[in-house]
C-alpha atoms as a PDB file:
ATOM      1  CA  MET A   1     -22.987 -16.229 -18.171  1.00  0.00           C
ATOM      2  CA  GLN A   2     -22.581 -12.464 -18.018  1.00  0.00           C
ATOM      3  CA  ARG A   3     -19.820 -11.719 -15.760  1.00  0.00           C
ATOM      4  CA  ARG A   4     -19.316  -8.910 -13.402  1.00  0.00           C
ATOM      5  CA  THR A   5     -17.097  -6.322 -15.180  1.00  0.00           C
ATOM      6  CA  THR A   6     -14.584  -3.926 -13.660  1.00  0.00           C
ATOM      7  CA  LEU A   7     -15.798  -0.177 -13.054  1.00  0.00           C
ATOM      8  CA  LEU A   8     -12.440   1.409 -13.362  1.00  0.00           C
ATOM      9  CA  GLY A   9     -10.453  -0.095 -16.273  1.00  0.00           C
ATOM     10  CA  GLY A  10      -6.803   0.366 -16.547  1.00  0.00           C
ATOM     11  CA  LEU A  11      -5.028   2.659 -19.237  1.00  0.00           C
ATOM     12  CA  ALA A  12      -2.362   1.658 -21.197  1.00  0.00           C
ATOM     13  CA  TYR A  13       0.498   3.985 -21.787  1.00  0.00           C
ATOM     14  CA  LEU A  14       1.497   5.608 -25.216  1.00  0.00           C
ATOM     15  CA  ALA A  15       4.604   4.070 -26.507  1.00  0.00           C
ATOM     16  CA  LEU A  16       7.086   6.621 -27.505  1.00  0.00           C
ATOM     17  CA  PRO A  17      10.766   6.719 -28.295  1.00  0.00           C
ATOM     18  CA  THR A  18      12.889   6.785 -25.387  1.00  0.00           C
ATOM     19  CA  LEU A  19      15.295   9.559 -24.998  1.00  0.00           C
ATOM     20  CA  ALA A  20      16.621   9.237 -21.354  1.00  0.00           C
ATOM     21  CA  LEU A  21      15.685   6.965 -18.278  1.00  0.00           C
ATOM     22  CA  ALA A  22      13.843   8.482 -15.553  1.00  0.00           C
ATOM     23  CA  LYS A  23      15.325   8.817 -11.903  1.00  0.00           C
ATOM     24  CA  PRO A  24      13.121   8.163  -8.931  1.00  0.00           C
ATOM     25  CA  SER A  25      12.908  12.071  -7.046  1.00  0.00           C
ATOM     26  CA  ALA A  26      15.939  12.733  -4.497  1.00  0.00           C
ATOM     27  CA  SER A  27      13.002  13.124  -2.192  1.00  0.00           C
ATOM     28  CA  SER A  28      11.459   9.651  -2.458  1.00  0.00           C
ATOM     29  CA  ALA A  29      15.341   8.157  -2.070  1.00  0.00           C
ATOM     30  CA  THR A  30      15.311  10.381   1.161  1.00  0.00           C
ATOM     31  CA  GLY A  31      12.487   8.626   2.822  1.00  0.00           C
ATOM     32  CA  ALA A  32      11.664  12.107   4.320  1.00  0.00           C
ATOM     33  CA  ALA A  33       8.627  11.811   6.599  1.00  0.00           C
ATOM     34  CA  ASP A  34       6.802  14.883   4.565  1.00  0.00           C
ATOM     35  CA  ARG A  35       7.273  13.135   1.303  1.00  0.00           C
ATOM     36  CA  TRP A  36       4.141  11.307   0.143  1.00  0.00           C
ATOM     37  CA  PRO A  37       3.123   8.884  -1.383  1.00  0.00           C
ATOM     38  CA  ARG A  38       5.883   6.571  -1.529  1.00  0.00           C
ATOM     39  CA  HIS A  39       7.848   5.468  -4.594  1.00  0.00           C
ATOM     40  CA  THR A  40       6.821   2.035  -5.444  1.00  0.00           C
ATOM     41  CA  PRO A  41       6.886   1.299  -9.377  1.00  0.00           C
ATOM     42  CA  VAL A  42       4.487  -1.453  -9.368  1.00  0.00           C
ATOM     43  CA  PRO A  43       1.261  -2.399 -10.685  1.00  0.00           C
ATOM     44  CA  GLY A  44      -1.122  -0.305  -8.759  1.00  0.00           C
ATOM     45  CA  GLY A  45       1.801   1.777  -7.363  1.00  0.00           C
ATOM     46  CA  ILE A  46       3.228   5.136  -7.961  1.00  0.00           C
ATOM     47  CA  ALA A  47       6.894   6.102  -9.659  1.00  0.00           C
ATOM     48  CA  ARG A  48       8.160   9.301  -8.162  1.00  0.00           C
ATOM     49  CA  LEU A  49      10.224  10.730 -11.133  1.00  0.00           C
ATOM     50  CA  SER A  50      12.525  13.582 -10.903  1.00  0.00           C
ATOM     51  CA  LEU A  51      12.366  16.231 -13.985  1.00  0.00           C
ATOM     52  CA  GLY A  52      15.016  18.647 -13.052  1.00  0.00           C
ATOM     53  CA  ALA A  53      15.224  22.107 -12.594  1.00  0.00           C
ATOM     54  CA  ALA A  54      13.031  24.521 -14.347  1.00  0.00           C
ATOM     55  CA  PRO A  55      11.683  27.968 -14.520  1.00  0.00           C
ATOM     56  CA  GLN A  56       8.030  26.651 -14.566  1.00  0.00           C
ATOM     57  CA  ARG A  57       6.047  23.601 -14.014  1.00  0.00           C
ATOM     58  CA  PRO A  58       6.704  21.265 -16.668  1.00  0.00           C
ATOM     59  CA  VAL A  59       3.628  19.823 -18.357  1.00  0.00           C
ATOM     60  CA  VAL A  60       3.520  16.001 -18.174  1.00  0.00           C
ATOM     61  CA  ARG A  61       1.538  13.273 -19.742  1.00  0.00           C
ATOM     62  CA  ALA A  62       1.308   9.367 -19.782  1.00  0.00           C
ATOM     63  CA  GLY A  63      -0.200   8.734 -22.986  1.00  0.00           C
ATOM     64  CA  GLU A  64      -3.064  11.519 -23.299  1.00  0.00           C
ATOM     65  CA  VAL A  65      -3.271  11.842 -19.922  1.00  0.00           C
ATOM     66  CA  PRO A  66      -2.382  14.361 -17.677  1.00  0.00           C
ATOM     67  CA  VAL A  67      -0.052  13.894 -14.643  1.00  0.00           C
ATOM     68  CA  LEU A  68       0.757  15.521 -11.352  1.00  0.00           C
ATOM     69  CA  VAL A  69       3.997  17.639 -10.901  1.00  0.00           C
ATOM     70  CA  LEU A  70       5.463  18.964  -7.870  1.00  0.00           C
ATOM     71  CA  GLY A  71       7.931  20.970  -6.694  1.00  0.00           C
ATOM     72  CA  ASP A  72       9.739  24.213  -7.512  1.00  0.00           C
ATOM     73  CA  ALA A  73      12.225  25.783  -9.997  1.00  0.00           C
ATOM     74  CA  ILE A  74      14.855  23.969  -8.406  1.00  0.00           C
ATOM     75  CA  GLU A  75      13.341  20.453  -8.868  1.00  0.00           C
ATOM     76  CA  TRP A  76       9.767  19.039 -10.230  1.00  0.00           C
ATOM     77  CA  THR A  77       8.956  15.903  -9.891  1.00  0.00           C
ATOM     78  CA  ALA A  78       6.372  13.962 -11.614  1.00  0.00           C
ATOM     79  CA  LEU A  79       3.946  11.477  -9.538  1.00  0.00           C
ATOM     80  CA  VAL A  80       2.737   8.743 -12.040  1.00  0.00           C
ATOM     81  CA  GLY A  81       0.136   6.264 -11.095  1.00  0.00           C
ATOM     82  CA  ILE A  82       0.471   2.711 -12.431  1.00  0.00           C
ATOM     83  CA  ALA A  83      -2.557   0.936 -13.562  1.00  0.00           C
ATOM     84  CA  LEU A  84      -3.182  -2.396 -11.919  1.00  0.00           C
ATOM     85  CA  ALA A  85      -3.311  -3.763 -15.309  1.00  0.00           C
ATOM     86  CA  ALA A  86       0.029  -2.249 -16.360  1.00  0.00           C
ATOM     87  CA  SER A  87       2.696  -5.034 -17.260  1.00  0.00           C
ATOM     88  CA  PRO A  88       6.307  -5.091 -15.526  1.00  0.00           C
ATOM     89  CA  GLY A  89       8.690  -3.332 -18.031  1.00  0.00           C
ATOM     90  CA  SER A  90       9.211  -0.103 -19.299  1.00  0.00           C
ATOM     91  CA  ALA A  91       6.714   2.731 -19.364  1.00  0.00           C
ATOM     92  CA  GLN A  92       7.086   6.221 -20.789  1.00  0.00           C
ATOM     93  CA  ILE A  93       6.072   9.811 -19.718  1.00  0.00           C
ATOM     94  CA  THR A  94       6.117  12.860 -22.049  1.00  0.00           C
ATOM     95  CA  VAL A  95       7.493  16.142 -20.730  1.00  0.00           C
ATOM     96  CA  GLN A  96       7.110  19.791 -21.977  1.00  0.00           C
ATOM     97  CA  GLN A  97       9.135  22.805 -20.509  1.00  0.00           C
ATOM     98  CA  PRO A  98       8.419  25.973 -21.798  1.00  0.00           C
ATOM     99  CA  SER A  99      10.742  27.002 -24.645  1.00  0.00           C
ATOM    100  CA  ALA A 100      12.063  23.282 -24.884  1.00  0.00           C
ATOM    101  CA  ALA A 101      11.600  20.087 -27.202  1.00  0.00           C
ATOM    102  CA  LEU A 102       8.930  17.475 -26.038  1.00  0.00           C
ATOM    103  CA  ARG A 103      10.794  14.743 -24.272  1.00  0.00           C
ATOM    104  CA  THR A 104      10.504  11.387 -23.185  1.00  0.00           C
ATOM    105  CA  LEU A 105      11.628   9.568 -19.830  1.00  0.00           C
ATOM    106  CA  SER A 106      11.471   6.098 -19.355  1.00  0.00           C
ATOM    107  CA  TYR A 107      11.141   4.135 -16.245  1.00  0.00           C
ATOM    108  CA  ASP A 108      10.446   0.375 -15.094  1.00  0.00           C
ATOM    109  CA  ILE A 109       7.562  -0.889 -14.007  1.00  0.00           C
ATOM    110  CA  GLU A 110       8.488  -3.987 -11.153  1.00  0.00           C
ATOM    111  CA  PRO A 111       6.624  -6.918 -10.880  1.00  0.00           C
ATOM    112  CA  LYS A 112       4.521  -7.261  -7.989  1.00  0.00           C
ATOM    113  CA  GLN A 113       2.683 -10.595  -7.072  1.00  0.00           C
ATOM    114  CA  TYR A 114      -0.950  -9.678  -5.091  1.00  0.00           C
ATOM    115  CA  PRO A 115      -2.973 -12.311  -2.982  1.00  0.00           C
ATOM    116  CA  GLU A 116      -5.526 -14.412  -4.414  1.00  0.00           C
ATOM    117  CA  GLN A 117      -8.778 -15.446  -2.840  1.00  0.00           C
ATOM    118  CA  GLN A 118     -10.620 -18.705  -3.764  1.00  0.00           C
ATOM    119  CA  LEU A 119     -14.618 -18.178  -2.789  1.00  0.00           C
ATOM    120  CA  LYS A 120     -17.502 -20.582  -3.820  1.00  0.00           C
ATOM    121  CA  VAL A 121     -20.719 -18.345  -3.154  1.00  0.00           C
ATOM    122  CA  ALA A 122     -24.225 -18.533  -4.612  1.00  0.00           C
ATOM    123  CA  PRO A 123     -24.628 -18.206  -8.514  1.00  0.00           C
ATOM    124  CA  ARG A 124     -26.872 -15.230  -8.136  1.00  0.00           C
ATOM    125  CA  THR A 125     -24.299 -13.070  -6.122  1.00  0.00           C
ATOM    126  CA  VAL A 126     -21.885 -13.577  -8.982  1.00  0.00           C
ATOM    127  CA  ASP A 127     -23.945 -13.170 -12.382  1.00  0.00           C
ATOM    128  CA  LEU A 128     -26.029  -9.870 -13.162  1.00  0.00           C
ATOM    129  CA  ALA A 129     -29.501  -9.861 -14.338  1.00  0.00           C
ATOM    130  CA  PRO A 130     -29.620  -7.932 -17.769  1.00  0.00           C
ATOM    131  CA  GLU A 131     -31.507  -4.932 -15.767  1.00  0.00           C
ATOM    132  CA  ASP A 132     -28.656  -4.811 -13.173  1.00  0.00           C
ATOM    133  CA  LEU A 133     -26.125  -5.056 -16.029  1.00  0.00           C
ATOM    134  CA  ALA A 134     -27.538  -2.294 -18.161  1.00  0.00           C
ATOM    135  CA  ARG A 135     -27.622  -0.090 -14.613  1.00  0.00           C
ATOM    136  CA  HIS A 136     -24.248  -0.798 -14.358  1.00  0.00           C
ATOM    137  CA  GLU A 137     -22.789   0.006 -17.955  1.00  0.00           C
ATOM    138  CA  ARG A 138     -24.853   3.532 -17.527  1.00  0.00           C
ATOM    139  CA  GLU A 139     -23.072   4.242 -14.263  1.00  0.00           C
ATOM    140  CA  ARG A 140     -19.904   3.097 -15.721  1.00  0.00           C
ATOM    141  CA  ALA A 141     -20.127   5.758 -18.397  1.00  0.00           C
ATOM    142  CA  HIS A 142     -20.676   8.322 -15.901  1.00  0.00           C
ATOM    143  CA  GLN A 143     -18.048   7.405 -13.795  1.00  0.00           C
ATOM    144  CA  ARG A 144     -15.749   7.728 -16.361  1.00  0.00           C
ATOM    145  CA  LYS A 145     -16.468  11.412 -16.895  1.00  0.00           C
ATOM    146  CA  ILE A 146     -15.640  11.681 -12.876  1.00  0.00           C
ATOM    147  CA  MET A 147     -12.447   9.723 -13.378  1.00  0.00           C
ATOM    148  CA  ALA A 148     -11.022  12.580 -15.949  1.00  0.00           C
ATOM    149  CA  THR A 149     -11.100  15.005 -13.597  1.00  0.00           C
ATOM    150  CA  PHE A 150      -7.987  17.314 -13.698  1.00  0.00           C
ATOM    151  CA  SER A 151      -8.023  20.621 -12.109  1.00  0.00           C
ATOM    152  CA  GLU A 152      -5.930  23.555 -10.093  1.00  0.00           C
ATOM    153  CA  PRO A 153      -4.306  24.457  -7.368  1.00  0.00           C
ATOM    154  CA  TRP A 154      -2.385  21.375  -7.366  1.00  0.00           C
ATOM    155  CA  PRO A 155      -2.207  19.607  -3.842  1.00  0.00           C
ATOM    156  CA  GLN A 156       0.444  20.755  -1.314  1.00  0.00           C
ATOM    157  CA  ASN A 157       0.753  17.874   1.080  1.00  0.00           C
ATOM    158  CA  LEU A 158      -0.094  14.468  -0.119  1.00  0.00           C
ATOM    159  CA  GLN A 159       0.093  12.763   3.323  1.00  0.00           C
ATOM    160  CA  MET A 160      -3.349  11.327   3.911  1.00  0.00           C
ATOM    161  CA  GLN A 161      -5.294  10.765   6.913  1.00  0.00           C
ATOM    162  CA  ALA A 162      -7.605   7.227   7.083  1.00  0.00           C
ATOM    163  CA  PRO A 163     -11.185   7.963   6.356  1.00  0.00           C
ATOM    164  CA  THR A 164     -12.091   6.423   8.811  1.00  0.00           C
ATOM    165  CA  PRO A 165     -10.772   4.274  12.062  1.00  0.00           C
ATOM    166  CA  GLY A 166     -10.783   0.637  11.582  1.00  0.00           C
ATOM    167  CA  ARG A 167      -9.248  -2.536  10.545  1.00  0.00           C
ATOM    168  CA  ARG A 168      -8.210  -3.614   7.330  1.00  0.00           C
ATOM    169  CA  SER A 169     -10.528  -5.949   6.195  1.00  0.00           C
ATOM    170  CA  SER A 170      -9.540  -6.491   2.485  1.00  0.00           C
ATOM    171  CA  SER A 171      -6.379  -5.117   1.103  1.00  0.00           C
ATOM    172  CA  PHE A 172      -5.877  -3.084  -2.280  1.00  0.00           C
ATOM    173  CA  GLY A 173      -4.999  -5.574  -5.469  1.00  0.00           C
ATOM    174  CA  LEU A 174      -6.484  -8.682  -3.858  1.00  0.00           C
ATOM    175  CA  ARG A 175      -7.546 -10.952  -6.362  1.00  0.00           C
ATOM    176  CA  ARG A 176     -10.808 -12.986  -6.198  1.00  0.00           C
ATOM    177  CA  VAL A 177     -12.024 -15.902  -7.851  1.00  0.00           C
ATOM    178  CA  PHE A 178     -15.684 -16.522  -7.418  1.00  0.00           C
ATOM    179  CA  ASN A 179     -16.985 -20.308  -8.511  1.00  0.00           C
ATOM    180  CA  GLY A 180     -13.849 -20.508 -10.605  1.00  0.00           C
ATOM    181  CA  GLN A 181     -14.282 -16.906 -12.308  1.00  0.00           C
ATOM    182  CA  PRO A 182     -11.626 -14.562 -12.054  1.00  0.00           C
ATOM    183  CA  ARG A 183     -13.058 -10.789 -11.110  1.00  0.00           C
ATOM    184  CA  ALA A 184     -10.917  -7.552 -11.671  1.00  0.00           C
ATOM    185  CA  PRO A 185      -8.690  -7.279  -8.466  1.00  0.00           C
ATOM    186  CA  HIS A 186      -9.698  -5.229  -5.448  1.00  0.00           C
ATOM    187  CA  SER A 187      -9.074  -1.565  -6.702  1.00  0.00           C
ATOM    188  CA  GLY A 188      -9.150   0.140  -2.927  1.00  0.00           C
ATOM    189  CA  MET A 189      -8.650  -0.577   0.721  1.00  0.00           C
ATOM    190  CA  ASP A 190     -11.597  -2.024   2.906  1.00  0.00           C
ATOM    191  CA  ILE A 191     -11.839  -1.249   6.310  1.00  0.00           C
ATOM    192  CA  ALA A 192     -14.163  -2.874   8.751  1.00  0.00           C
ATOM    193  CA  ALA A 193     -16.142  -0.534  10.931  1.00  0.00           C
ATOM    194  CA  ALA A 194     -19.524  -0.514  11.996  1.00  0.00           C
ATOM    195  CA  THR A 195     -22.571   1.280  10.493  1.00  0.00           C
ATOM    196  CA  GLY A 196     -22.748   5.202  11.309  1.00  0.00           C
ATOM    197  CA  THR A 197     -18.982   5.398  11.947  1.00  0.00           C
ATOM    198  CA  PRO A 198     -17.988   8.815  10.847  1.00  0.00           C
ATOM    199  CA  VAL A 199     -16.099   9.119   7.198  1.00  0.00           C
ATOM    200  CA  LEU A 200     -14.027  11.736   6.703  1.00  0.00           C
ATOM    201  CA  ALA A 201     -12.063  13.576   3.978  1.00  0.00           C
ATOM    202  CA  PRO A 202      -8.442  12.016   3.773  1.00  0.00           C
ATOM    203  CA  LEU A 203      -7.281  15.223   2.399  1.00  0.00           C
ATOM    204  CA  PRO A 204      -8.478  18.953   1.421  1.00  0.00           C
ATOM    205  CA  GLY A 205     -10.804  18.424  -1.614  1.00  0.00           C
ATOM    206  CA  ARG A 206     -13.999  19.353  -3.685  1.00  0.00           C
ATOM    207  CA  VAL A 207     -16.931  17.204  -3.688  1.00  0.00           C
ATOM    208  CA  ILE A 208     -17.402  16.205  -7.766  1.00  0.00           C
ATOM    209  CA  ASP A 209     -19.822  13.459  -7.399  1.00  0.00           C
ATOM    210  CA  VAL A 210     -22.358  12.108  -5.034  1.00  0.00           C
ATOM    211  CA  GLY A 211     -24.274   8.961  -5.848  1.00  0.00           C
ATOM    212  CA  ASP A 212     -26.214   5.491  -5.316  1.00  0.00           C
ATOM    213  CA  TYR A 213     -24.491   3.103  -7.643  1.00  0.00           C
ATOM    214  CA  PHE A 214     -24.996  -0.516  -8.160  1.00  0.00           C
ATOM    215  CA  PHE A 215     -22.008  -2.100  -6.632  1.00  0.00           C
ATOM    216  CA  ASN A 216     -20.621   0.979  -4.661  1.00  0.00           C
ATOM    217  CA  GLY A 217     -23.742   1.933  -3.173  1.00  0.00           C
ATOM    218  CA  GLU A 218     -23.699   5.401  -1.778  1.00  0.00           C
ATOM    219  CA  THR A 219     -20.505   7.217  -2.941  1.00  0.00           C
ATOM    220  CA  VAL A 220     -18.828  10.248  -2.686  1.00  0.00           C
ATOM    221  CA  TRP A 221     -15.966  11.574  -5.109  1.00  0.00           C
ATOM    222  CA  LEU A 222     -13.075  13.757  -3.937  1.00  0.00           C
ATOM    223  CA  ASP A 223     -11.110  16.017  -6.201  1.00  0.00           C
ATOM    224  CA  HIS A 224      -7.812  17.074  -4.171  1.00  0.00           C
ATOM    225  CA  GLY A 225      -6.136  18.550  -7.447  1.00  0.00           C
ATOM    226  CA  GLY A 226      -4.071  17.605 -10.512  1.00  0.00           C
ATOM    227  CA  GLY A 227      -5.425  14.479 -11.169  1.00  0.00           C
ATOM    228  CA  LEU A 228      -5.549  13.227  -7.490  1.00  0.00           C
ATOM    229  CA  LEU A 229      -8.859  12.036  -6.417  1.00  0.00           C
ATOM    230  CA  SER A 230     -10.405  10.053  -3.722  1.00  0.00           C
ATOM    231  CA  MET A 231     -13.713   7.860  -3.473  1.00  0.00           C
ATOM    232  CA  VAL A 232     -15.517   5.955  -0.346  1.00  0.00           C
ATOM    233  CA  CYS A 233     -18.186   3.653  -1.138  1.00  0.00           C
ATOM    234  CA  HIS A 234     -21.048   1.547   0.656  1.00  0.00           C
ATOM    235  CA  LEU A 235     -21.972   4.655   2.827  1.00  0.00           C
ATOM    236  CA  SER A 236     -25.232   4.554   5.065  1.00  0.00           C
ATOM    237  CA  ARG A 237     -25.511   8.470   4.660  1.00  0.00           C
ATOM    238  CA  VAL A 238     -23.991  11.366   2.841  1.00  0.00           C
ATOM    239  CA  ASP A 239     -23.589  15.084   4.302  1.00  0.00           C
ATOM    240  CA  VAL A 240     -21.725  16.591   1.743  1.00  0.00           C
ATOM    241  CA  GLN A 241     -23.095  18.095  -1.872  1.00  0.00           C
ATOM    242  CA  VAL A 242     -21.207  18.730  -4.829  1.00  0.00           C
ATOM    243  CA  GLY A 243     -19.341  21.563  -4.778  1.00  0.00           C
ATOM    244  CA  GLU A 244     -18.501  21.479  -1.590  1.00  0.00           C
ATOM    245  CA  LYS A 245     -15.184  22.421  -0.384  1.00  0.00           C
ATOM    246  CA  LEU A 246     -13.828  20.073   2.523  1.00  0.00           C
ATOM    247  CA  THR A 247     -10.893  20.617   4.755  1.00  0.00           C
ATOM    248  CA  THR A 248      -8.919  17.361   5.739  1.00  0.00           C
ATOM    249  CA  GLY A 249     -10.652  15.508   8.470  1.00  0.00           C
ATOM    250  CA  GLN A 250     -14.251  17.001   7.594  1.00  0.00           C
ATOM    251  CA  ARG A 251     -17.193  14.761   7.787  1.00  0.00           C
ATOM    252  CA  LEU A 252     -18.483  13.603   4.524  1.00  0.00           C
ATOM    253  CA  GLY A 253     -20.950  10.518   5.585  1.00  0.00           C
ATOM    254  CA  ALA A 254     -20.922   7.228   7.634  1.00  0.00           C
ATOM    255  CA  VAL A 255     -19.941   3.782   7.095  1.00  0.00           C
ATOM    256  CA  GLY A 256     -22.757   1.701   5.784  1.00  0.00           C
ATOM    257  CA  ALA A 257     -23.192  -1.595   3.624  1.00  0.00           C
ATOM    258  CA  THR A 258     -25.194  -0.023   0.346  1.00  0.00           C
ATOM    259  CA  GLY A 259     -24.712  -1.221  -2.406  1.00  0.00           C
ATOM    260  CA  ARG A 260     -22.960  -4.818  -3.216  1.00  0.00           C
ATOM    261  CA  ALA A 261     -21.616  -5.114   0.453  1.00  0.00           C
ATOM    262  CA  THR A 262     -21.878  -8.155   2.834  1.00  0.00           C
ATOM    263  CA  GLY A 263     -21.412  -6.115   5.701  1.00  0.00           C
ATOM    264  CA  PRO A 264     -20.725  -2.521   6.828  1.00  0.00           C
ATOM    265  CA  HIS A 265     -17.323  -1.746   5.939  1.00  0.00           C
ATOM    266  CA  LEU A 266     -15.683   1.307   4.081  1.00  0.00           C
ATOM    267  CA  HIS A 267     -14.400   0.430   0.514  1.00  0.00           C
ATOM    268  CA  TRP A 268     -11.730   3.649   0.201  1.00  0.00           C
ATOM    269  CA  GLY A 269     -10.068   4.223  -3.315  1.00  0.00           C
ATOM    270  CA  VAL A 270      -7.457   6.491  -4.529  1.00  0.00           C
ATOM    271  CA  MET A 271      -6.631   7.430  -8.189  1.00  0.00           C
ATOM    272  CA  LEU A 272      -3.803   8.946  -9.765  1.00  0.00           C
ATOM    273  CA  ASN A 273      -3.788  10.291 -13.346  1.00  0.00           C
ATOM    274  CA  ARG A 274      -7.195   7.949 -13.866  1.00  0.00           C
ATOM    275  CA  ALA A 275      -5.524   5.083 -12.428  1.00  0.00           C
ATOM    276  CA  MET A 276      -6.526   3.355  -8.958  1.00  0.00           C
ATOM    277  CA  VAL A 277      -3.534   3.189  -6.965  1.00  0.00           C
ATOM    278  CA  ASP A 278      -2.964   1.710  -3.261  1.00  0.00           C
ATOM    279  CA  PRO A 279      -4.349   4.066  -0.558  1.00  0.00           C
ATOM    280  CA  ALA A 280      -1.678   2.886   1.989  1.00  0.00           C
ATOM    281  CA  LEU A 281       1.305   4.340   0.241  1.00  0.00           C
ATOM    282  CA  PHE A 282      -0.304   7.490   1.482  1.00  0.00           C
ATOM    283  CA  LEU A 283      -0.485   6.917   4.613  1.00  0.00           C
ATOM    284  CA  SER A 284       2.573   7.064   7.260  1.00  0.00           C
END
């Protein structure tokens, strides 16, 4: 039987010799109101790691994937998105500064148990027909290219605005089991809202993809810079085009139930260094 495969796969970190243990950024420890996302080093979370002082912005990578670095010459901070599929334990990033040797920082990923939901549904809603599976595979190849986006300038304020008002109907990381068959964990936040409710940009960003996808329906991807992306899915309408630059709170579409949705709601996903992370970490 064909099973639904996850659209957004986790990336494994490259194991490197450990030269130092990274400490959480001082800003993450203070809990200052202007410091988002919150330091939460768990699968699906974000590690804020202090890189110390340097005259120029260091180049940081998790394996081969570039990592967002913010700050100034007094202190630089790496913001590392941790894939939901990551195992608890030690992980590494590499740090390259001008006129300095490549160094490796190690940090710990802490365990986190997400809720699990057992569901009984009609078999046809679980197993894909061959033509649907083929469509999904084509779409997934296209989306991988979108998810590899890494651009400048880097974002300045990472406190996001929820893209639509409403009740959180499904949280990030929820593991669903359909008819005894485990599915990929929920890679975003679902917000219950009526069809037609405006959907707004959570941060300033550039529209990098608009499409109608088998699972996600009408979808918009935004690039916020430095490998920080967001996506909104199941839209009833899209009001933007690829290449448009949006400000925080600018309308980009409306809530709907397109794609594989059982009712009107917004699926909101946030990606950092190609790992889907919990959008709640960016909200006050």
